[in-house]
């Protein structure tokens, strides 16, 4: 995690504890927690502690930490303010006081909790490795089933199924959601939030890919863009939505909203196999998919590294279903469809 991200996390959490929190800052804090779920347990613990810590405790923590803040030239002018009437600048001081208290409490929490196992009622994370054998299936407290593809992670916080049903996804997962109209099921990703009552759908959200996809098999889901909370898309069975990352210059537009980031299409079927969920049956299915994107699938599924020496070849597109057990066998088949050369050395594959 970059230090600037961690510092921003402390700043936002400090403002939350101080009661000076804007809606946009709440969204930013939630976004950080989604990208870095390892901070969620710390966040929950500090929020719990804050209800028990008095103003005196917070101010003492601030005074202990203030000496460090004074070393920063950027904080010099702000520190002059705090030499005046403390009651007049109460709100501003409490913001920094709370942030400082977080650091103090955080160190204490890490020392106490470092070797303590995570309890079932705390944040739960399931991560998979880089090969097919690493795929896993989990049953959530509400009975919903989640199947994870390679290099994927899903997490949820304490109280799941009681007051909320929210999960955070990185990678790819297939969901079979238990119906509960009173508590909607929500999947959070970097690009969008997906809300459902009871359904089966697949979400693909890998950090090294330029798009996020959600494919609906049964039921209905509502997708809300993080970049534009007013833009909501309701999907029907057999529909798929693609949310493009960094799509400022993309000309594809959705009829309903005109958003360049979003494309509404349909689930693809190839040789009686649903392309979007083929991985559930240990198959790799492609529909007019660029070789560069297929390479990312091969890397995840077979724990290899692929490098293209020819950009033209990386743009080749393929359609088909493959169930071979290694990357080399799949490359041989692709090679027969459109010619190219490749070498394999241990786990390094070079295509030219």
Protein backbone atom coordinates (compact mmCIF):
# COMPACT_ATOMS: atom_id res chain seq x y z
CA UNK A 1 0.00 0.00 0.00
CA UNK A 2 1.37 3.43 -0.95
CA UNK A 3 2.09 5.67 2.09
CA UNK A 4 -0.09 8.44 0.67
CA UNK A 5 -3.09 6.10 0.59
CA UNK A 6 -2.51 5.02 4.18
CA UNK A 7 -2.11 8.64 5.31
CA UNK A 8 -5.32 9.59 3.54
CA UNK A 9 -7.10 6.70 5.26
CA UNK A 10 -5.99 8.01 8.68
CA UNK A 11 -7.07 11.54 7.75
CA UNK A 12 -10.55 10.46 6.63
CA UNK A 13 -11.02 8.24 9.68
CA UNK A 14 -9.94 11.11 11.90
CA UNK A 15 -12.52 13.41 10.34
CA UNK A 16 -15.18 10.75 10.82
CA UNK A 17 -14.37 10.46 14.53
CA UNK A 18 -14.34 14.25 14.83
CA UNK A 19 -17.83 14.48 13.33
CA UNK A 20 -16.66 16.63 10.43
CA UNK A 21 -17.37 14.24 7.59
CA UNK A 22 -18.75 15.01 4.13
CA UNK A 23 -20.64 12.57 1.90
CA UNK A 24 -17.84 12.63 -0.69
CA UNK A 25 -15.30 11.79 2.00
CA UNK A 26 -17.42 8.85 3.15
CA UNK A 27 -17.41 7.51 -0.40
CA UNK A 28 -13.63 7.99 -0.58
CA UNK A 29 -13.12 6.14 2.70
CA UNK A 30 -15.33 3.27 1.54
CA UNK A 31 -13.39 3.12 -1.72
CA UNK A 32 -10.08 2.79 0.16
CA UNK A 33 -11.52 0.02 2.33
CA UNK A 34 -12.68 -1.84 -0.76
CA UNK A 35 -9.31 -1.65 -2.48
CA UNK A 36 -7.48 -2.46 0.78
CA UNK A 37 -9.77 -4.82 2.76
CA UNK A 38 -6.91 -5.47 5.19
CA UNK A 39 -7.76 -2.05 6.71
CA UNK A 40 -11.37 -3.04 7.43
CA UNK A 41 -10.64 -4.92 10.67
CA UNK A 42 -8.54 -2.01 11.91
CA UNK A 43 -11.33 0.39 10.95
CA UNK A 44 -13.99 -1.64 12.79
CA UNK A 45 -11.80 -1.88 15.90
CA UNK A 46 -11.08 1.87 16.00
CA UNK A 47 -14.77 2.73 15.53
CA UNK A 48 -15.58 0.41 18.44
CA UNK A 49 -12.85 1.97 20.59
CA UNK A 50 -13.92 5.53 19.76
CA UNK A 51 -17.24 5.09 21.55
CA UNK A 52 -15.35 4.27 24.74
CA UNK A 53 -12.62 6.94 24.54
CA UNK A 54 -13.29 10.25 26.30
CA UNK A 55 -12.32 13.71 25.11
CA UNK A 56 -9.55 13.78 27.72
CA UNK A 57 -8.08 10.55 26.38
CA UNK A 58 -8.16 11.89 22.83
CA UNK A 59 -6.57 15.21 23.76
CA UNK A 60 -3.83 13.44 25.72
CA UNK A 61 -3.10 11.30 22.68
CA UNK A 62 -2.98 14.42 20.57
CA UNK A 63 -0.47 16.16 22.83
CA UNK A 64 1.73 13.08 22.78
CA UNK A 65 1.72 13.04 19.00
CA UNK A 66 1.81 16.77 18.35
CA UNK A 67 5.60 16.96 18.68
CA UNK A 68 5.91 14.77 15.59
CA UNK A 69 3.48 16.91 13.64
CA UNK A 70 5.48 20.05 14.42
CA UNK A 71 8.47 18.59 12.55
CA UNK A 72 6.58 18.93 9.29
CA UNK A 73 6.97 22.29 7.54
CA UNK A 74 3.56 21.85 6.00
CA UNK A 75 1.98 21.70 9.41
CA UNK A 76 3.82 24.74 10.72
CA UNK A 77 1.15 27.31 10.03
CA UNK A 78 -1.64 25.05 11.32
CA UNK A 79 0.24 24.48 14.60
CA UNK A 80 0.32 28.25 15.20
CA UNK A 81 -3.47 28.24 15.25
CA UNK A 82 -3.57 25.69 18.06
CA UNK A 83 -1.46 27.96 20.32
CA UNK A 84 -4.47 30.25 20.64
CA UNK A 85 -7.81 29.72 22.26
CA UNK A 86 -8.45 25.95 22.10
CA UNK A 87 -12.20 26.31 22.55
CA UNK A 88 -12.47 28.69 19.56
CA UNK A 89 -10.81 26.19 17.22
CA UNK A 90 -12.40 23.15 18.81
CA UNK A 91 -13.69 21.52 15.64
CA UNK A 92 -10.40 21.85 13.76
CA UNK A 93 -8.40 20.57 16.70
CA UNK A 94 -10.67 17.59 17.24
CA UNK A 95 -10.14 16.58 13.63
CA UNK A 96 -6.38 16.31 14.12
CA UNK A 97 -6.79 15.02 17.66
CA UNK A 98 -8.91 12.16 16.40
CA UNK A 99 -6.43 11.38 13.63
CA UNK A 100 -3.59 11.32 16.16
CA UNK A 101 -5.58 9.12 18.50
CA UNK A 102 -6.07 6.68 15.66
CA UNK A 103 -2.32 6.34 15.29
CA UNK A 104 -1.85 5.74 19.01
CA UNK A 105 -4.75 3.30 19.23
CA UNK A 106 -3.61 1.66 16.02
CA UNK A 107 -0.19 0.84 17.38
CA UNK A 108 -1.72 -0.56 20.56
CA UNK A 109 -4.25 -2.57 18.56
CA UNK A 110 -1.57 -4.05 16.29
CA UNK A 111 0.55 -5.11 19.26
CA UNK A 112 -2.36 -6.77 21.02
CA UNK A 113 -4.04 -8.30 17.99
CA UNK A 114 -1.01 -9.21 15.88
CA UNK A 115 -1.08 -12.92 16.65
CA UNK A 116 -4.76 -13.24 17.52
CA UNK A 117 -6.80 -15.33 15.04
CA UNK A 118 -9.73 -13.66 13.30
CA UNK A 119 -13.04 -14.71 14.80
CA UNK A 120 -15.96 -15.89 12.68
CA UNK A 121 -17.92 -12.75 13.40
CA UNK A 122 -15.19 -10.44 12.11
CA UNK A 123 -14.13 -9.56 8.59
CA UNK A 124 -13.81 -12.76 6.60
CA UNK A 125 -11.64 -13.04 3.52
CA UNK A 126 -11.25 -15.97 1.16
CA UNK A 127 -8.40 -15.81 -1.33
CA UNK A 128 -7.47 -18.25 -4.07
CA UNK A 129 -4.17 -18.96 -5.75
CA UNK A 130 -3.15 -18.86 -9.39
CA UNK A 131 -4.27 -22.26 -10.70
CA UNK A 132 -7.52 -24.09 -11.38
CA UNK A 133 -7.05 -26.25 -8.28
CA UNK A 134 -7.11 -23.07 -6.19
CA UNK A 135 -10.73 -22.27 -7.04
CA UNK A 136 -12.94 -22.38 -4.00
CA UNK A 137 -16.57 -22.35 -2.91
CA UNK A 138 -17.92 -20.68 0.19
CA UNK A 139 -21.33 -20.43 1.82
CA UNK A 140 -22.09 -17.05 3.38
CA UNK A 141 -23.95 -16.73 6.73
CA UNK A 142 -27.22 -16.03 4.87
CA UNK A 143 -26.95 -19.24 2.84
CA UNK A 144 -25.78 -17.55 -0.37
CA UNK A 145 -23.10 -19.46 -2.30
CA UNK A 146 -20.00 -17.84 -3.80
CA UNK A 147 -17.64 -19.65 -6.16
CA UNK A 148 -14.27 -17.96 -6.66
CA UNK A 149 -12.08 -18.16 -9.73
CA UNK A 150 -8.27 -18.09 -9.62
CA UNK A 151 -6.58 -15.04 -8.07
CA UNK A 152 -9.84 -13.78 -6.58
CA UNK A 153 -10.90 -12.55 -3.17
CA UNK A 154 -14.23 -11.81 -1.51
CA UNK A 155 -14.72 -10.32 1.93
CA UNK A 156 -17.58 -9.30 4.20
CA UNK A 157 -17.80 -7.61 7.57
CA UNK A 158 -19.20 -8.43 10.97
CA UNK A 159 -22.99 -8.71 11.12
CA UNK A 160 -23.41 -9.97 7.57
CA UNK A 161 -26.92 -11.35 7.07
CA UNK A 162 -28.36 -9.58 10.11
CA UNK A 163 -28.60 -5.94 9.11
CA UNK A 164 -26.68 -5.87 5.82
CA UNK A 165 -25.52 -8.25 3.11
CA UNK A 166 -22.55 -6.55 1.48
CA UNK A 167 -19.45 -8.21 0.02
CA UNK A 168 -16.32 -6.78 -1.57
CA UNK A 169 -14.91 -8.52 -4.64
CA UNK A 170 -11.54 -8.49 -6.35
CA UNK A 171 -11.19 -10.95 -9.23
CA UNK A 172 -14.02 -13.15 -10.48
CA UNK A 173 -16.88 -14.84 -8.65
CA UNK A 174 -20.17 -16.58 -9.37
CA UNK A 175 -22.99 -15.84 -6.93
CA UNK A 176 -26.11 -17.81 -6.04
CA UNK A 177 -27.90 -15.37 -3.73
CA UNK A 178 -30.48 -16.42 -1.18
CA UNK A 179 -33.64 -14.34 -1.50
CA UNK A 180 -34.20 -11.81 1.27
CA UNK A 181 -36.31 -8.85 0.19
CA UNK A 182 -35.76 -7.05 3.51
CA UNK A 183 -31.96 -7.09 3.18
CA UNK A 184 -30.70 -6.63 -0.40
CA UNK A 185 -27.45 -8.35 -1.36
CA UNK A 186 -24.79 -5.92 -2.64
CA UNK A 187 -21.50 -6.70 -4.38
CA UNK A 188 -18.97 -3.84 -4.26
CA UNK A 189 -16.22 -3.45 -6.88
CA UNK A 190 -13.94 -0.55 -7.77
CA UNK A 191 -16.12 0.43 -10.71
CA UNK A 192 -19.66 -0.27 -9.56
CA UNK A 193 -22.04 -1.58 -6.90
CA UNK A 194 -24.36 -4.45 -7.81
CA UNK A 195 -27.61 -4.77 -5.88
CA UNK A 196 -29.79 -7.92 -5.94
CA UNK A 197 -32.58 -9.59 -3.99
CA UNK A 198 -32.12 -13.18 -5.11
CA UNK A 199 -30.46 -14.37 -8.30
CA UNK A 200 -27.55 -16.08 -10.05
CA UNK A 201 -24.90 -13.96 -11.70
CA UNK A 202 -21.18 -13.74 -12.47
CA UNK A 203 -18.93 -10.75 -11.78
CA UNK A 204 -15.46 -10.30 -13.27
CA UNK A 205 -13.31 -7.52 -11.82
CA UNK A 206 -9.56 -8.15 -12.16
CA UNK A 207 -7.30 -5.20 -11.42
CA UNK A 208 -5.07 -5.86 -14.46
CA UNK A 209 -7.97 -5.82 -16.92
CA UNK A 210 -9.47 -2.72 -18.54
CA UNK A 211 -13.09 -3.58 -17.83
CA UNK A 212 -15.45 -4.99 -15.25
CA UNK A 213 -18.22 -7.37 -16.30
CA UNK A 214 -21.44 -8.58 -14.69
CA UNK A 215 -23.43 -11.34 -16.42
CA UNK A 216 -26.93 -12.20 -15.19
CA UNK A 217 -28.28 -15.74 -15.53
CA UNK A 218 -31.51 -15.56 -13.52
CA UNK A 219 -33.36 -12.94 -11.49
CA UNK A 220 -32.46 -9.26 -11.73
CA UNK A 221 -29.64 -7.00 -10.61
CA UNK A 222 -29.21 -3.25 -10.48
CA UNK A 223 -25.77 -1.83 -11.18
CA UNK A 224 -24.76 1.64 -9.99
CA UNK A 225 -21.61 3.27 -11.31
CA UNK A 226 -19.24 4.52 -8.64
CA UNK A 227 -18.20 7.38 -10.91
CA UNK A 228 -21.85 8.42 -11.34
CA UNK A 229 -24.25 7.32 -8.61
CA UNK A 230 -27.18 8.65 -10.63
CA UNK A 231 -26.50 6.16 -13.42
CA UNK A 232 -28.29 2.91 -12.54
CA UNK A 233 -28.73 0.00 -14.94
CA UNK A 234 -31.25 -2.80 -14.40
CA UNK A 235 -30.24 -6.11 -15.97
CA UNK A 236 -32.58 -8.85 -17.16
CA UNK A 237 -31.71 -12.56 -17.47
CA UNK A 238 -29.11 -13.36 -20.17
CA UNK A 239 -27.88 -9.76 -20.24
CA UNK A 240 -24.35 -8.64 -19.52
CA UNK A 241 -22.99 -5.23 -18.66
CA UNK A 242 -19.42 -4.12 -19.28
CA UNK A 243 -18.00 -1.17 -17.33
CA UNK A 244 -14.91 0.14 -19.04
CA UNK A 245 -12.04 1.61 -17.07
CA UNK A 246 -10.36 4.81 -18.29
CA UNK A 247 -12.88 5.08 -21.11
CA UNK A 248 -12.82 8.84 -21.66
CA UNK A 249 -12.09 8.45 -25.37
CA UNK A 250 -14.28 5.42 -25.94
CA UNK A 251 -17.07 6.00 -28.44
CA UNK A 252 -19.31 3.14 -27.29
CA UNK A 253 -22.41 4.53 -25.62
CA UNK A 254 -25.33 2.94 -23.87
CA UNK A 255 -28.73 3.89 -25.35
CA UNK A 256 -30.35 4.71 -22.01
CA UNK A 257 -27.64 6.83 -20.42
CA UNK A 258 -25.12 7.68 -23.12
CA UNK A 259 -22.29 6.82 -20.76
CA UNK A 260 -19.00 6.07 -22.48
CA UNK A 261 -18.00 3.73 -19.69
CA UNK A 262 -20.92 1.35 -20.03
CA UNK A 263 -21.90 -1.19 -22.65
CA UNK A 264 -25.00 -3.37 -22.37
CA UNK A 265 -24.82 -6.65 -24.28
CA UNK A 266 -25.89 -10.28 -23.90
CA UNK A 267 -24.40 -13.48 -22.54
CA UNK A 268 -22.53 -15.45 -25.19
CA UNK A 269 -23.01 -19.19 -25.80
CA UNK A 270 -20.36 -21.18 -27.66
CA UNK A 271 -20.69 -24.94 -28.30
CA UNK A 272 -23.51 -25.14 -25.71
CA UNK A 273 -21.25 -23.50 -23.12
CA UNK A 274 -21.97 -20.12 -21.53
CA UNK A 275 -18.77 -18.20 -22.16
CA UNK A 276 -19.04 -16.01 -19.03
CA UNK A 277 -19.34 -18.98 -16.63
CA UNK A 278 -17.29 -21.60 -18.51
CA UNK A 279 -14.66 -21.50 -15.76
CA UNK A 280 -17.14 -23.13 -13.37
CA UNK A 281 -16.74 -26.32 -15.44
CA UNK A 282 -12.94 -26.02 -15.78
CA UNK A 283 -13.22 -24.76 -19.35
CA UNK A 284 -11.91 -21.64 -21.05
CA UNK A 285 -14.37 -20.16 -23.53
CA UNK A 286 -13.77 -17.11 -25.71
CA UNK A 287 -15.99 -15.14 -28.04
CA UNK A 288 -14.12 -12.79 -30.37
CA UNK A 289 -11.60 -12.19 -27.58
CA UNK A 290 -8.20 -10.52 -28.19
CA UNK A 291 -5.13 -12.71 -27.68
CA UNK A 292 -3.79 -10.17 -25.14
CA UNK A 293 -6.84 -10.78 -22.91
CA UNK A 294 -6.67 -14.54 -23.41
CA UNK A 295 -3.07 -14.37 -22.22
CA UNK A 296 -4.24 -12.88 -18.90
CA UNK A 297 -6.62 -15.83 -18.46
CA UNK A 298 -3.80 -18.29 -19.19
CA UNK A 299 -1.52 -16.55 -16.69
CA UNK A 300 -4.11 -16.81 -13.92
CA UNK A 301 -5.23 -20.34 -14.65
CA UNK A 302 -1.83 -21.95 -15.23
CA UNK A 303 0.54 -19.79 -13.17
CA UNK A 304 2.64 -18.64 -16.12
CA UNK A 305 3.92 -15.32 -17.44
CA UNK A 306 3.25 -14.40 -21.08
CA UNK A 307 5.09 -11.75 -23.09
CA UNK A 308 4.22 -10.59 -26.61
CA UNK A 309 7.05 -9.56 -28.89
CA UNK A 310 4.62 -8.69 -31.69
CA UNK A 311 1.72 -6.30 -31.00
CA UNK A 312 -0.11 -7.44 -34.13
CA UNK A 313 -0.30 -10.98 -32.77
CA UNK A 314 -1.53 -9.73 -29.38
CA UNK A 315 -4.53 -8.30 -31.24
CA UNK A 316 -5.57 -11.60 -32.83
CA UNK A 317 -9.14 -12.51 -31.83
CA UNK A 318 -10.34 -16.03 -31.07
CA UNK A 319 -13.65 -17.82 -30.50
CA UNK A 320 -13.93 -21.30 -29.04
CA UNK A 321 -14.09 -23.57 -25.99
CA UNK A 322 -11.00 -25.21 -24.53
CA UNK A 323 -10.59 -27.68 -21.68
CA UNK A 324 -6.88 -28.53 -21.93
CA UNK A 325 -4.86 -28.93 -18.74
CA UNK A 326 -1.96 -26.61 -19.55
CA UNK A 327 -1.23 -23.37 -21.37
CA UNK A 328 0.97 -25.04 -23.98
CA UNK A 329 -1.85 -27.24 -25.30
CA UNK A 330 -4.17 -24.26 -25.65
CA UNK A 331 -1.47 -22.26 -27.45
CA UNK A 332 -1.02 -25.11 -29.94
CA UNK A 333 -4.72 -24.97 -30.82
CA UNK A 334 -4.71 -21.17 -31.14
CA UNK A 335 -1.60 -21.46 -33.28
CA UNK A 336 -3.46 -23.67 -35.78
CA UNK A 337 -6.25 -21.07 -36.10
CA UNK A 338 -3.96 -18.08 -36.63
CA UNK A 339 -0.21 -18.70 -37.05
CA UNK A 340 2.35 -17.41 -34.55
CA UNK A 341 5.46 -18.72 -32.80
CA UNK A 342 6.15 -19.15 -29.11
CA UNK A 343 8.74 -20.50 -26.71
CA UNK A 344 8.29 -21.87 -23.19
CA UNK A 345 11.04 -21.69 -20.58
CA UNK A 346 9.89 -22.86 -17.15
CA UNK A 347 6.89 -20.58 -16.51
CA UNK A 348 7.86 -17.89 -19.00
CA UNK A 349 6.07 -17.93 -22.38
CA UNK A 350 7.26 -15.64 -25.17
CA UNK A 351 5.01 -15.14 -28.21
CA UNK A 352 6.40 -13.66 -31.43
